[in-house]
Amino acid sequence: MNTHQPYLIEEFAEDYKARRLGRRDLLRRVLLITGSIPATASILTALGCSGNDDDDTSPSQAANTAAAAGAVSAVASPGASAASGTPAGDAVQAADVRFPGQAVDVLGYMARPANQAPGSTNAGIIVIHENRGLVEHIKDVTRRYAQQGFLALAVDLMSRNGGTKPDANENAGLLGAAKIDDLVADLKSGVEYLKAQSGVRAGGVGVNGFCFGGNYTWELAIASQDIAAAVPFYGVVRSLDDLAKTRAAVLAIYGGNDTRVTGQSEQVKQRLTAAGKTVEVKVYDGADHAFFNDTGTRYNAAAATDAWARTLAWFRQYLPKA
């Protein structure tokens, strides 16, 4: 498996143990990543996912059942908080987009300020979604950027599978099974498309992603010299040695309770500092993984509000100015 696949499987296992994810959904996701019932059973047993009190089915039995039945069940999201729901309207223009990629057309969602004066330019932001795909929450975040004066593009990393599916388990599994280089290539296509838009300021764009998208914020910041600033939320760096390649000023955001990911934060800071890069690390005590997602059960309003303010300030400081 590649580095990001264990990250996803461990996240699914954590959600299962915390009863945020059902057993059949867990099996469906991991099977799509491994492609193997024995491997799925072995991995989940090693992670301690041998069944909840009300479900004594063994991993191998459940895997066979999930494989036979398809085990397709979408994960419903709680209602959005008052902080979400930024509409397209007088202040924001937003629409689904399609643009050329290296293998297929790439899908996405773009938002821009509606009142941008002719001939004026704004900084551009790439937004990278979580493992659920390009869902409404990420589209809302994209509109929030436009409301703050940025041109933002959320790239759908399910594009090679025809776009984000209604089934969250299918999205999570297929994204986990995807090749890292393919997803990075689609993100780089998104950067090129964003740079070509009228009204986008020359000199580099920013990138912001969450969870799985936090991982790929690091990937894109390392792979593309067009990235001038990056804000990964609780993302894992695949190769610390590669951090020296980035041009980006990095604000790395973590949840204090998210020890599986936050444990890397000091190494990240040390490596980027040693390489002479601009870096700031912010850990929110008491905040969990996915604390920014205001449609999820781990939303932390205080941490999310502060992190958003810091993110906007970071991009305003380190992206090209008019």
C-alpha atoms as a PDB file:
ATOM      1  CA  MET A   1       0.000   0.000   0.000  1.00  0.00           C
ATOM      2  CA  ASN A   2       1.076   3.583  -0.525  1.00  0.00           C
ATOM      3  CA  THR A   3       1.553   5.917   2.441  1.00  0.00           C
ATOM      4  CA  HIS A   4      -1.883   7.508   2.257  1.00  0.00           C
ATOM      5  CA  GLN A   5      -3.792   4.219   2.248  1.00  0.00           C
ATOM      6  CA  PRO A   6      -2.910   3.218   5.847  1.00  0.00           C
ATOM      7  CA  TYR A   7      -3.791   6.797   6.854  1.00  0.00           C
ATOM      8  CA  LEU A   8      -7.288   6.363   5.445  1.00  0.00           C
ATOM      9  CA  ILE A   9      -7.816   2.869   6.817  1.00  0.00           C
ATOM     10  CA  GLU A  10      -6.694   3.968  10.286  1.00  0.00           C
ATOM     11  CA  GLU A  11      -9.124   6.899  10.058  1.00  0.00           C
ATOM     12  CA  PHE A  12     -11.965   4.571   9.085  1.00  0.00           C
ATOM     13  CA  ALA A  13     -11.044   2.290  12.000  1.00  0.00           C
ATOM     14  CA  GLU A  14     -11.088   5.225  14.423  1.00  0.00           C
ATOM     15  CA  ASP A  15     -14.504   6.273  13.155  1.00  0.00           C
ATOM     16  CA  TYR A  16     -15.783   2.721  13.508  1.00  0.00           C
ATOM     17  CA  LYS A  17     -14.540   2.396  17.087  1.00  0.00           C
ATOM     18  CA  ALA A  18     -16.126   5.758  17.934  1.00  0.00           C
ATOM     19  CA  ARG A  19     -19.383   4.570  16.298  1.00  0.00           C
ATOM     20  CA  ARG A  20     -19.273   7.264  13.655  1.00  0.00           C
ATOM     21  CA  LEU A  21     -19.063   4.563  10.966  1.00  0.00           C
ATOM     22  CA  GLY A  22     -21.012   1.326  10.693  1.00  0.00           C
ATOM     23  CA  ARG A  23     -19.299  -2.050  10.282  1.00  0.00           C
ATOM     24  CA  ARG A  24     -20.550  -2.722   6.775  1.00  0.00           C
ATOM     25  CA  ASP A  25     -19.488   0.774   5.727  1.00  0.00           C
ATOM     26  CA  LEU A  26     -16.046   0.151   7.210  1.00  0.00           C
ATOM     27  CA  LEU A  27     -15.716  -3.115   5.284  1.00  0.00           C
ATOM     28  CA  ARG A  28     -16.961  -1.554   2.051  1.00  0.00           C
ATOM     29  CA  ARG A  29     -14.361   1.211   2.221  1.00  0.00           C
ATOM     30  CA  VAL A  30     -11.405  -0.985   3.131  1.00  0.00           C
ATOM     31  CA  LEU A  31     -12.287  -3.626   0.540  1.00  0.00           C
ATOM     32  CA  LEU A  32     -12.277  -0.992  -2.189  1.00  0.00           C
ATOM     33  CA  ILE A  33      -8.775   0.060  -1.110  1.00  0.00           C
ATOM     34  CA  THR A  34      -7.217  -3.386  -0.664  1.00  0.00           C
ATOM     35  CA  GLY A  35      -9.191  -5.307  -3.276  1.00  0.00           C
ATOM     36  CA  SER A  36      -8.755  -8.385  -1.093  1.00  0.00           C
ATOM     37  CA  ILE A  37     -10.983  -9.986   1.533  1.00  0.00           C
ATOM     38  CA  PRO A  38      -8.057 -11.685   3.374  1.00  0.00           C
ATOM     39  CA  ALA A  39      -6.044  -8.449   3.406  1.00  0.00           C
ATOM     40  CA  THR A  40      -9.039  -6.496   4.664  1.00  0.00           C
ATOM     41  CA  ALA A  41      -9.692  -9.008   7.421  1.00  0.00           C
ATOM     42  CA  SER A  42      -6.030  -9.049   8.467  1.00  0.00           C
ATOM     43  CA  ILE A  43      -5.681  -5.264   8.548  1.00  0.00           C
ATOM     44  CA  LEU A  44      -8.876  -4.660  10.499  1.00  0.00           C
ATOM     45  CA  THR A  45      -8.068  -7.386  13.009  1.00  0.00           C
ATOM     46  CA  ALA A  46      -4.645  -5.792  13.563  1.00  0.00           C
ATOM     47  CA  LEU A  47      -6.372  -2.441  14.139  1.00  0.00           C
ATOM     48  CA  GLY A  48      -8.651  -3.966  16.768  1.00  0.00           C
ATOM     49  CA  CYS A  49     -11.823  -3.854  14.674  1.00  0.00           C
ATOM     50  CA  SER A  50     -13.048  -7.296  15.635  1.00  0.00           C
ATOM     51  CA  GLY A  51     -16.661  -6.268  16.208  1.00  0.00           C
ATOM     52  CA  ASN A  52     -18.675  -4.005  18.493  1.00  0.00           C
ATOM     53  CA  ASP A  53     -20.717  -5.370  21.388  1.00  0.00           C
ATOM     54  CA  ASP A  54     -23.787  -5.561  19.178  1.00  0.00           C
ATOM     55  CA  ASP A  55     -21.932  -7.054  16.215  1.00  0.00           C
ATOM     56  CA  ASP A  56     -19.807 -10.153  16.801  1.00  0.00           C
ATOM     57  CA  THR A  57     -19.283 -10.853  13.122  1.00  0.00           C
ATOM     58  CA  SER A  58     -15.602 -11.535  12.436  1.00  0.00           C
ATOM     59  CA  PRO A  59     -13.755  -9.296   9.925  1.00  0.00           C
ATOM     60  CA  SER A  60     -13.484 -12.141   7.426  1.00  0.00           C
ATOM     61  CA  GLN A  61     -17.182 -13.028   7.721  1.00  0.00           C
ATOM     62  CA  ALA A  62     -18.226  -9.405   7.434  1.00  0.00           C
ATOM     63  CA  ALA A  63     -15.880  -8.883   4.496  1.00  0.00           C
ATOM     64  CA  ASN A  64     -17.426 -11.786   2.632  1.00  0.00           C
ATOM     65  CA  THR A  65     -20.909 -10.490   3.412  1.00  0.00           C
ATOM     66  CA  ALA A  66     -19.986  -6.972   2.326  1.00  0.00           C
ATOM     67  CA  ALA A  67     -18.413  -8.198  -0.883  1.00  0.00           C
ATOM     68  CA  ALA A  68     -21.399 -10.374  -1.734  1.00  0.00           C
ATOM     69  CA  ALA A  69     -24.042  -7.776  -0.970  1.00  0.00           C
ATOM     70  CA  GLY A  70     -22.171  -4.749  -2.308  1.00  0.00           C
ATOM     71  CA  ALA A  71     -22.608  -3.206   1.133  1.00  0.00           C
ATOM     72  CA  VAL A  72     -23.463   0.191  -0.300  1.00  0.00           C
ATOM     73  CA  SER A  73     -24.848   2.571   2.276  1.00  0.00           C
ATOM     74  CA  ALA A  74     -24.192   6.280   2.249  1.00  0.00           C
ATOM     75  CA  VAL A  75     -23.100   8.028   5.424  1.00  0.00           C
ATOM     76  CA  ALA A  76     -25.557  10.750   6.271  1.00  0.00           C
ATOM     77  CA  SER A  77     -24.249  14.077   7.530  1.00  0.00           C
ATOM     78  CA  PRO A  78     -25.790  16.043  10.363  1.00  0.00           C
ATOM     79  CA  GLY A  79     -27.365  19.344   9.489  1.00  0.00           C
ATOM     80  CA  ALA A  80     -25.008  22.200   8.741  1.00  0.00           C
ATOM     81  CA  SER A  81     -24.320  24.686  11.490  1.00  0.00           C
ATOM     82  CA  ALA A  82     -25.096  28.364  11.253  1.00  0.00           C
ATOM     83  CA  ALA A  83     -21.520  28.938  10.130  1.00  0.00           C
ATOM     84  CA  SER A  84     -22.072  27.129   6.841  1.00  0.00           C
ATOM     85  CA  GLY A  85     -24.342  27.728   3.895  1.00  0.00           C
ATOM     86  CA  THR A  86     -22.589  30.628   2.173  1.00  0.00           C
ATOM     87  CA  PRO A  87     -24.834  31.150  -0.865  1.00  0.00           C
ATOM     88  CA  ALA A  88     -23.953  32.070  -4.406  1.00  0.00           C
ATOM     89  CA  GLY A  89     -25.728  35.327  -5.151  1.00  0.00           C
ATOM     90  CA  ASP A  90     -25.031  39.019  -5.199  1.00  0.00           C
ATOM     91  CA  ALA A  91     -21.571  38.651  -3.607  1.00  0.00           C
ATOM     92  CA  VAL A  92     -20.481  35.310  -5.090  1.00  0.00           C
ATOM     93  CA  GLN A  93     -20.673  33.681  -8.500  1.00  0.00           C
ATOM     94  CA  ALA A  94     -20.229  29.906  -8.387  1.00  0.00           C
ATOM     95  CA  ALA A  95     -20.644  27.039 -10.818  1.00  0.00           C
ATOM     96  CA  ASP A  96     -19.563  23.498 -11.634  1.00  0.00           C
ATOM     97  CA  VAL A  97     -16.675  23.439 -14.113  1.00  0.00           C
ATOM     98  CA  ARG A  98     -14.865  20.953 -16.352  1.00  0.00           C
ATOM     99  CA  PHE A  99     -11.340  21.370 -17.672  1.00  0.00           C
ATOM    100  CA  PRO A 100      -8.677  19.286 -19.464  1.00  0.00           C
ATOM    101  CA  GLY A 101      -6.640  16.856 -17.408  1.00  0.00           C
ATOM    102  CA  GLN A 102      -3.758  14.567 -18.282  1.00  0.00           C
ATOM    103  CA  ALA A 103      -5.980  11.463 -18.543  1.00  0.00           C
ATOM    104  CA  VAL A 104      -9.607  12.659 -18.522  1.00  0.00           C
ATOM    105  CA  ASP A 105     -11.480  15.903 -18.164  1.00  0.00           C
ATOM    106  CA  VAL A 106     -11.305  17.018 -14.552  1.00  0.00           C
ATOM    107  CA  LEU A 107     -14.428  18.167 -12.738  1.00  0.00           C
ATOM    108  CA  GLY A 108     -14.572  20.921 -10.174  1.00  0.00           C
ATOM    109  CA  TYR A 109     -16.453  23.776  -8.593  1.00  0.00           C
ATOM    110  CA  MET A 110     -15.359  27.389  -8.958  1.00  0.00           C
ATOM    111  CA  ALA A 111     -16.392  30.472  -7.010  1.00  0.00           C
ATOM    112  CA  ARG A 112     -15.397  34.092  -7.551  1.00  0.00           C
ATOM    113  CA  PRO A 113     -16.383  37.507  -6.195  1.00  0.00           C
ATOM    114  CA  ALA A 114     -19.382  38.758  -8.164  1.00  0.00           C
ATOM    115  CA  ASN A 115     -18.374  42.397  -7.887  1.00  0.00           C
ATOM    116  CA  GLN A 116     -14.804  42.100  -9.201  1.00  0.00           C
ATOM    117  CA  ALA A 117     -14.005  45.237 -11.184  1.00  0.00           C
ATOM    118  CA  PRO A 118     -12.997  44.795 -14.849  1.00  0.00           C
ATOM    119  CA  GLY A 119      -9.252  44.480 -15.160  1.00  0.00           C
ATOM    120  CA  SER A 120      -8.705  43.835 -11.449  1.00  0.00           C
ATOM    121  CA  THR A 121      -7.117  40.651 -10.120  1.00  0.00           C
ATOM    122  CA  ASN A 122      -7.476  38.496  -7.031  1.00  0.00           C
ATOM    123  CA  ALA A 123      -5.423  35.703  -5.535  1.00  0.00           C
ATOM    124  CA  GLY A 124      -6.423  32.142  -6.463  1.00  0.00           C
ATOM    125  CA  ILE A 125      -6.972  29.202  -4.098  1.00  0.00           C
ATOM    126  CA  ILE A 126      -7.158  25.461  -4.822  1.00  0.00           C
ATOM    127  CA  VAL A 127      -9.465  23.699  -2.336  1.00  0.00           C
ATOM    128  CA  ILE A 128      -8.982  19.951  -1.749  1.00  0.00           C
ATOM    129  CA  HIS A 129     -11.817  17.883  -0.331  1.00  0.00           C
ATOM    130  CA  GLU A 130     -11.915  15.169   2.317  1.00  0.00           C
ATOM    131  CA  ASN A 131     -12.227  11.470   1.514  1.00  0.00           C
ATOM    132  CA  ARG A 132     -15.980  11.859   0.942  1.00  0.00           C
ATOM    133  CA  GLY A 133     -15.354  13.662  -2.353  1.00  0.00           C
ATOM    134  CA  LEU A 134     -16.512  17.050  -3.584  1.00  0.00           C
ATOM    135  CA  VAL A 135     -19.522  17.388  -1.305  1.00  0.00           C
ATOM    136  CA  GLU A 136     -21.632  20.441  -0.447  1.00  0.00           C
ATOM    137  CA  HIS A 137     -19.496  21.328   2.568  1.00  0.00           C
ATOM    138  CA  ILE A 138     -16.420  21.770   0.369  1.00  0.00           C
ATOM    139  CA  LYS A 139     -18.416  23.758  -2.164  1.00  0.00           C
ATOM    140  CA  ASP A 140     -19.475  25.982   0.715  1.00  0.00           C
ATOM    141  CA  VAL A 141     -15.849  26.488   1.763  1.00  0.00           C
ATOM    142  CA  THR A 142     -15.061  27.414  -1.843  1.00  0.00           C
ATOM    143  CA  ARG A 143     -17.808  30.059  -1.795  1.00  0.00           C
ATOM    144  CA  ARG A 144     -16.492  31.363   1.529  1.00  0.00           C
ATOM    145  CA  TYR A 145     -13.187  32.114  -0.181  1.00  0.00           C
ATOM    146  CA  ALA A 146     -14.965  34.027  -2.938  1.00  0.00           C
ATOM    147  CA  GLN A 147     -16.865  35.989  -0.320  1.00  0.00           C
ATOM    148  CA  GLN A 148     -13.479  37.003   1.087  1.00  0.00           C
ATOM    149  CA  GLY A 149     -12.166  38.221  -2.270  1.00  0.00           C
ATOM    150  CA  PHE A 150     -10.396  35.129  -3.639  1.00  0.00           C
ATOM    151  CA  LEU A 151     -11.033  33.066  -6.777  1.00  0.00           C
ATOM    152  CA  ALA A 152     -11.328  29.492  -5.544  1.00  0.00           C
ATOM    153  CA  LEU A 153     -11.424  26.148  -7.338  1.00  0.00           C
ATOM    154  CA  ALA A 154     -12.341  22.877  -5.646  1.00  0.00           C
ATOM    155  CA  VAL A 155     -10.975  19.983  -7.731  1.00  0.00           C
ATOM    156  CA  ASP A 156     -13.012  16.770  -7.764  1.00  0.00           C
ATOM    157  CA  LEU A 157     -10.470  13.997  -7.236  1.00  0.00           C
ATOM    158  CA  MET A 158     -13.121  11.450  -8.192  1.00  0.00           C
ATOM    159  CA  SER A 159     -12.999  12.739 -11.770  1.00  0.00           C
ATOM    160  CA  ARG A 160     -11.301   9.591 -13.113  1.00  0.00           C
ATOM    161  CA  ASN A 161     -14.244   7.645 -11.714  1.00  0.00           C
ATOM    162  CA  GLY A 162     -16.827   9.932 -13.303  1.00  0.00           C
ATOM    163  CA  GLY A 163     -17.059  12.383 -10.406  1.00  0.00           C
ATOM    164  CA  THR A 164     -18.113  12.256  -6.765  1.00  0.00           C
ATOM    165  CA  LYS A 165     -20.754   9.581  -6.103  1.00  0.00           C
ATOM    166  CA  PRO A 166     -23.799   9.765  -3.814  1.00  0.00           C
ATOM    167  CA  ASP A 167     -22.302   6.884  -1.799  1.00  0.00           C
ATOM    168  CA  ALA A 168     -19.689   8.223   0.640  1.00  0.00           C
ATOM    169  CA  ASN A 169     -18.255   4.719   1.109  1.00  0.00           C
ATOM    170  CA  GLU A 170     -17.580   4.342  -2.605  1.00  0.00           C
ATOM    171  CA  ASN A 171     -15.885   7.740  -2.730  1.00  0.00           C
ATOM    172  CA  ALA A 172     -13.686   6.950   0.265  1.00  0.00           C
ATOM    173  CA  GLY A 173     -12.703   3.541  -1.031  1.00  0.00           C
ATOM    174  CA  LEU A 174     -11.943   4.641  -4.585  1.00  0.00           C
ATOM    175  CA  LEU A 175      -9.978   7.665  -3.456  1.00  0.00           C
ATOM    176  CA  GLY A 176      -7.937   5.423  -1.205  1.00  0.00           C
ATOM    177  CA  ALA A 177      -7.301   3.002  -4.063  1.00  0.00           C
ATOM    178  CA  ALA A 178      -6.253   5.750  -6.483  1.00  0.00           C
ATOM    179  CA  LYS A 179      -2.629   6.284  -7.482  1.00  0.00           C
ATOM    180  CA  ILE A 180      -1.045   9.268  -5.747  1.00  0.00           C
ATOM    181  CA  ASP A 181       0.577  10.480  -8.973  1.00  0.00           C
ATOM    182  CA  ASP A 182      -2.800  10.467 -10.746  1.00  0.00           C
ATOM    183  CA  LEU A 183      -4.452  12.609  -8.103  1.00  0.00           C
ATOM    184  CA  VAL A 184      -1.509  15.016  -8.007  1.00  0.00           C
ATOM    185  CA  ALA A 185      -1.671  15.284 -11.797  1.00  0.00           C
ATOM    186  CA  ASP A 186      -5.361  16.222 -11.617  1.00  0.00           C
ATOM    187  CA  LEU A 187      -4.608  18.833  -8.972  1.00  0.00           C
ATOM    188  CA  LYS A 188      -1.857  20.296 -11.145  1.00  0.00           C
ATOM    189  CA  SER A 189      -4.342  20.482 -14.011  1.00  0.00           C
ATOM    190  CA  GLY A 190      -6.569  22.420 -11.640  1.00  0.00           C
ATOM    191  CA  VAL A 191      -3.736  24.832 -10.907  1.00  0.00           C
ATOM    192  CA  GLU A 192      -3.238  25.448 -14.618  1.00  0.00           C
ATOM    193  CA  TYR A 193      -6.947  26.008 -15.128  1.00  0.00           C
ATOM    194  CA  LEU A 194      -7.143  28.427 -12.207  1.00  0.00           C
ATOM    195  CA  LYS A 195      -4.105  30.381 -13.378  1.00  0.00           C
ATOM    196  CA  ALA A 196      -5.691  30.788 -16.829  1.00  0.00           C
ATOM    197  CA  GLN A 197      -8.853  32.403 -15.452  1.00  0.00           C
ATOM    198  CA  SER A 198      -9.376  36.084 -16.067  1.00  0.00           C
ATOM    199  CA  GLY A 199      -9.050  37.953 -12.809  1.00  0.00           C
ATOM    200  CA  VAL A 200      -6.531  35.582 -11.195  1.00  0.00           C
ATOM    201  CA  ARG A 201      -3.392  37.353 -10.064  1.00  0.00           C
ATOM    202  CA  ALA A 202      -0.112  36.096 -11.518  1.00  0.00           C
ATOM    203  CA  GLY A 203       2.716  34.860  -9.330  1.00  0.00           C
ATOM    204  CA  GLY A 204       1.320  31.769  -7.699  1.00  0.00           C
ATOM    205  CA  VAL A 205      -1.779  30.361  -6.085  1.00  0.00           C
ATOM    206  CA  GLY A 206      -2.613  28.956  -2.666  1.00  0.00           C
ATOM    207  CA  VAL A 207      -3.877  25.538  -1.649  1.00  0.00           C
ATOM    208  CA  ASN A 208      -6.023  24.494   1.303  1.00  0.00           C
ATOM    209  CA  GLY A 209      -7.242  20.971   2.035  1.00  0.00           C
ATOM    210  CA  PHE A 210      -8.785  18.949   4.838  1.00  0.00           C
ATOM    211  CA  CYS A 211      -8.014  15.425   6.156  1.00  0.00           C
ATOM    212  CA  PHE A 212      -7.374  13.389   2.972  1.00  0.00           C
ATOM    213  CA  GLY A 213      -7.242  16.794   1.266  1.00  0.00           C
ATOM    214  CA  GLY A 214      -4.691  17.895   3.860  1.00  0.00           C
ATOM    215  CA  ASN A 215      -2.446  15.051   2.716  1.00  0.00           C
ATOM    216  CA  TYR A 216      -2.805  16.208  -0.871  1.00  0.00           C
ATOM    217  CA  THR A 217      -2.211  19.833   0.093  1.00  0.00           C
ATOM    218  CA  TRP A 218       1.258  18.672   1.074  1.00  0.00           C
ATOM    219  CA  GLU A 219       1.574  16.627  -2.117  1.00  0.00           C
ATOM    220  CA  LEU A 220       0.666  19.578  -4.343  1.00  0.00           C
ATOM    221  CA  ALA A 221       2.815  22.064  -2.440  1.00  0.00           C
ATOM    222  CA  ILE A 222       5.799  19.765  -2.975  1.00  0.00           C
ATOM    223  CA  ALA A 223       5.016  18.881  -6.601  1.00  0.00           C
ATOM    224  CA  SER A 224       4.136  22.326  -7.971  1.00  0.00           C
ATOM    225  CA  GLN A 225       6.281  25.444  -7.925  1.00  0.00           C
ATOM    226  CA  ASP A 226       3.124  27.424  -8.715  1.00  0.00           C
ATOM    227  CA  ILE A 227       1.993  27.011  -5.104  1.00  0.00           C
ATOM    228  CA  ALA A 228       3.049  30.113  -3.180  1.00  0.00           C
ATOM    229  CA  ALA A 229       1.172  29.381   0.058  1.00  0.00           C
ATOM    230  CA  ALA A 230      -0.345  26.238   1.566  1.00  0.00           C
ATOM    231  CA  VAL A 231      -2.616  25.530   4.533  1.00  0.00           C
ATOM    232  CA  PRO A 232      -3.043  21.800   5.197  1.00  0.00           C
ATOM    233  CA  PHE A 233      -5.610  20.941   7.862  1.00  0.00           C
ATOM    234  CA  TYR A 234      -4.597  17.761   9.732  1.00  0.00           C
ATOM    235  CA  GLY A 235      -2.732  16.257   6.783  1.00  0.00           C
ATOM    236  CA  VAL A 236       0.166  13.797   6.737  1.00  0.00           C
ATOM    237  CA  VAL A 237       3.399  14.346   4.809  1.00  0.00           C
ATOM    238  CA  ARG A 238       4.309  11.251   2.812  1.00  0.00           C
ATOM    239  CA  SER A 239       8.045  12.040   2.632  1.00  0.00           C
ATOM    240  CA  LEU A 240       9.547  14.509   5.067  1.00  0.00           C
ATOM    241  CA  ASP A 241      12.683  14.632   2.914  1.00  0.00           C
ATOM    242  CA  ASP A 242      10.626  16.141   0.086  1.00  0.00           C
ATOM    243  CA  LEU A 243       9.522  19.155   2.128  1.00  0.00           C
ATOM    244  CA  ALA A 244      12.629  21.051   1.044  1.00  0.00           C
ATOM    245  CA  LYS A 245      11.262  21.047  -2.534  1.00  0.00           C
ATOM    246  CA  THR A 246       8.294  23.274  -1.766  1.00  0.00           C
ATOM    247  CA  ARG A 247       8.210  26.940  -2.618  1.00  0.00           C
ATOM    248  CA  ALA A 248       5.142  27.517  -0.455  1.00  0.00           C
ATOM    249  CA  ALA A 249       4.839  29.382   2.817  1.00  0.00           C
ATOM    250  CA  VAL A 250       3.103  26.761   4.976  1.00  0.00           C
ATOM    251  CA  LEU A 251       0.614  27.146   7.809  1.00  0.00           C
ATOM    252  CA  ALA A 252       0.047  23.616   9.137  1.00  0.00           C
ATOM    253  CA  ILE A 253      -3.075  23.199  11.271  1.00  0.00           C
ATOM    254  CA  TYR A 254      -3.741  20.292  13.626  1.00  0.00           C
ATOM    255  CA  GLY A 255      -6.151  19.137  16.332  1.00  0.00           C
ATOM    256  CA  GLY A 256      -4.611  18.417  19.691  1.00  0.00           C
ATOM    257  CA  ASN A 257      -6.685  15.259  20.171  1.00  0.00           C
ATOM    258  CA  ASP A 258      -5.757  13.971  16.723  1.00  0.00           C
ATOM    259  CA  THR A 259      -2.544  12.322  17.886  1.00  0.00           C
ATOM    260  CA  ARG A 260      -2.331   9.974  14.910  1.00  0.00           C
ATOM    261  CA  VAL A 261      -1.708  12.980  12.622  1.00  0.00           C
ATOM    262  CA  THR A 262      -0.498  15.695  14.994  1.00  0.00           C
ATOM    263  CA  GLY A 263       2.416  13.537  16.100  1.00  0.00           C
ATOM    264  CA  GLN A 264       4.182  14.527  12.886  1.00  0.00           C
ATOM    265  CA  SER A 265       3.823  18.289  13.467  1.00  0.00           C
ATOM    266  CA  GLU A 266       7.168  18.912  15.159  1.00  0.00           C
ATOM    267  CA  GLN A 267       9.077  17.022  12.471  1.00  0.00           C
ATOM    268  CA  VAL A 268       7.272  19.041   9.808  1.00  0.00           C
ATOM    269  CA  LYS A 269       8.220  22.298  11.483  1.00  0.00           C
ATOM    270  CA  GLN A 270      11.826  21.243  11.989  1.00  0.00           C
ATOM    271  CA  ARG A 271      12.308  20.046   8.408  1.00  0.00           C
ATOM    272  CA  LEU A 272      10.769  23.146   6.816  1.00  0.00           C
ATOM    273  CA  THR A 273      12.696  25.478   9.125  1.00  0.00           C
ATOM    274  CA  ALA A 274      15.952  23.667   8.385  1.00  0.00           C
ATOM    275  CA  ALA A 275      15.245  24.054   4.661  1.00  0.00           C
ATOM    276  CA  GLY A 276      14.806  27.810   5.083  1.00  0.00           C
ATOM    277  CA  LYS A 277      11.059  27.750   4.372  1.00  0.00           C
ATOM    278  CA  THR A 278       8.386  29.942   5.913  1.00  0.00           C
ATOM    279  CA  VAL A 279       6.349  27.777   8.270  1.00  0.00           C
ATOM    280  CA  GLU A 280       3.960  28.091  11.175  1.00  0.00           C
ATOM    281  CA  VAL A 281       2.361  25.201  13.038  1.00  0.00           C
ATOM    282  CA  LYS A 282      -0.865  25.669  14.981  1.00  0.00           C
ATOM    283  CA  VAL A 283      -2.237  22.904  17.218  1.00  0.00           C
ATOM    284  CA  TYR A 284      -5.703  23.427  18.714  1.00  0.00           C
ATOM    285  CA  ASP A 285      -5.859  21.845  22.146  1.00  0.00           C
ATOM    286  CA  GLY A 286      -9.014  19.818  22.666  1.00  0.00           C
ATOM    287  CA  ALA A 287      -9.869  19.721  18.952  1.00  0.00           C
ATOM    288  CA  ASP A 288     -10.328  16.453  17.072  1.00  0.00           C
ATOM    289  CA  HIS A 289      -9.528  15.372  13.551  1.00  0.00           C
ATOM    290  CA  ALA A 290     -11.962  17.060  11.130  1.00  0.00           C
ATOM    291  CA  PHE A 291     -12.752  19.829  13.625  1.00  0.00           C
ATOM    292  CA  PHE A 292     -13.289  22.356  10.809  1.00  0.00           C
ATOM    293  CA  ASN A 293     -16.149  20.471   9.146  1.00  0.00           C
ATOM    294  CA  ASP A 294     -19.300  22.122  10.440  1.00  0.00           C
ATOM    295  CA  THR A 295     -21.488  19.346   9.014  1.00  0.00           C
ATOM    296  CA  GLY A 296     -19.744  16.646  11.050  1.00  0.00           C
ATOM    297  CA  THR A 297     -19.926  15.359  14.602  1.00  0.00           C
ATOM    298  CA  ARG A 298     -16.395  16.527  15.507  1.00  0.00           C
ATOM    299  CA  TYR A 299     -16.943  20.179  14.608  1.00  0.00           C
ATOM    300  CA  ASN A 300     -15.286  22.559  17.082  1.00  0.00           C
ATOM    301  CA  ALA A 301     -16.675  26.067  16.557  1.00  0.00           C
ATOM    302  CA  ALA A 302     -13.977  27.950  18.470  1.00  0.00           C
ATOM    303  CA  ALA A 303     -11.092  26.147  16.778  1.00  0.00           C
ATOM    304  CA  ALA A 304     -12.720  26.336  13.341  1.00  0.00           C
ATOM    305  CA  THR A 305     -13.402  30.063  13.615  1.00  0.00           C
ATOM    306  CA  ASP A 306      -9.845  30.847  14.672  1.00  0.00           C
ATOM    307  CA  ALA A 307      -8.340  28.512  12.058  1.00  0.00           C
ATOM    308  CA  TRP A 308     -10.362  30.146   9.272  1.00  0.00           C
ATOM    309  CA  ALA A 309      -9.217  33.626  10.337  1.00  0.00           C
ATOM    310  CA  ARG A 310      -5.599  32.452  10.400  1.00  0.00           C
ATOM    311  CA  THR A 311      -5.966  30.788   6.999  1.00  0.00           C
ATOM    312  CA  LEU A 312      -7.323  33.950   5.366  1.00  0.00           C
ATOM    313  CA  ALA A 313      -4.601  36.059   6.963  1.00  0.00           C
ATOM    314  CA  TRP A 314      -1.921  33.620   5.763  1.00  0.00           C
ATOM    315  CA  PHE A 315      -3.071  33.724   2.175  1.00  0.00           C
ATOM    316  CA  ARG A 316      -3.395  37.513   2.240  1.00  0.00           C
ATOM    317  CA  GLN A 317       0.157  37.774   3.512  1.00  0.00           C
ATOM    318  CA  TYR A 318       1.896  35.239   1.279  1.00  0.00           C
ATOM    319  CA  LEU A 319      -0.016  35.211  -2.005  1.00  0.00           C
ATOM    320  CA  PRO A 320       0.826  37.834  -4.648  1.00  0.00           C
ATOM    321  CA  LYS A 321      -0.689  41.223  -3.973  1.00  0.00           C
ATOM    322  CA  ALA A 322      -2.129  43.713  -6.469  1.00  0.00           C
END
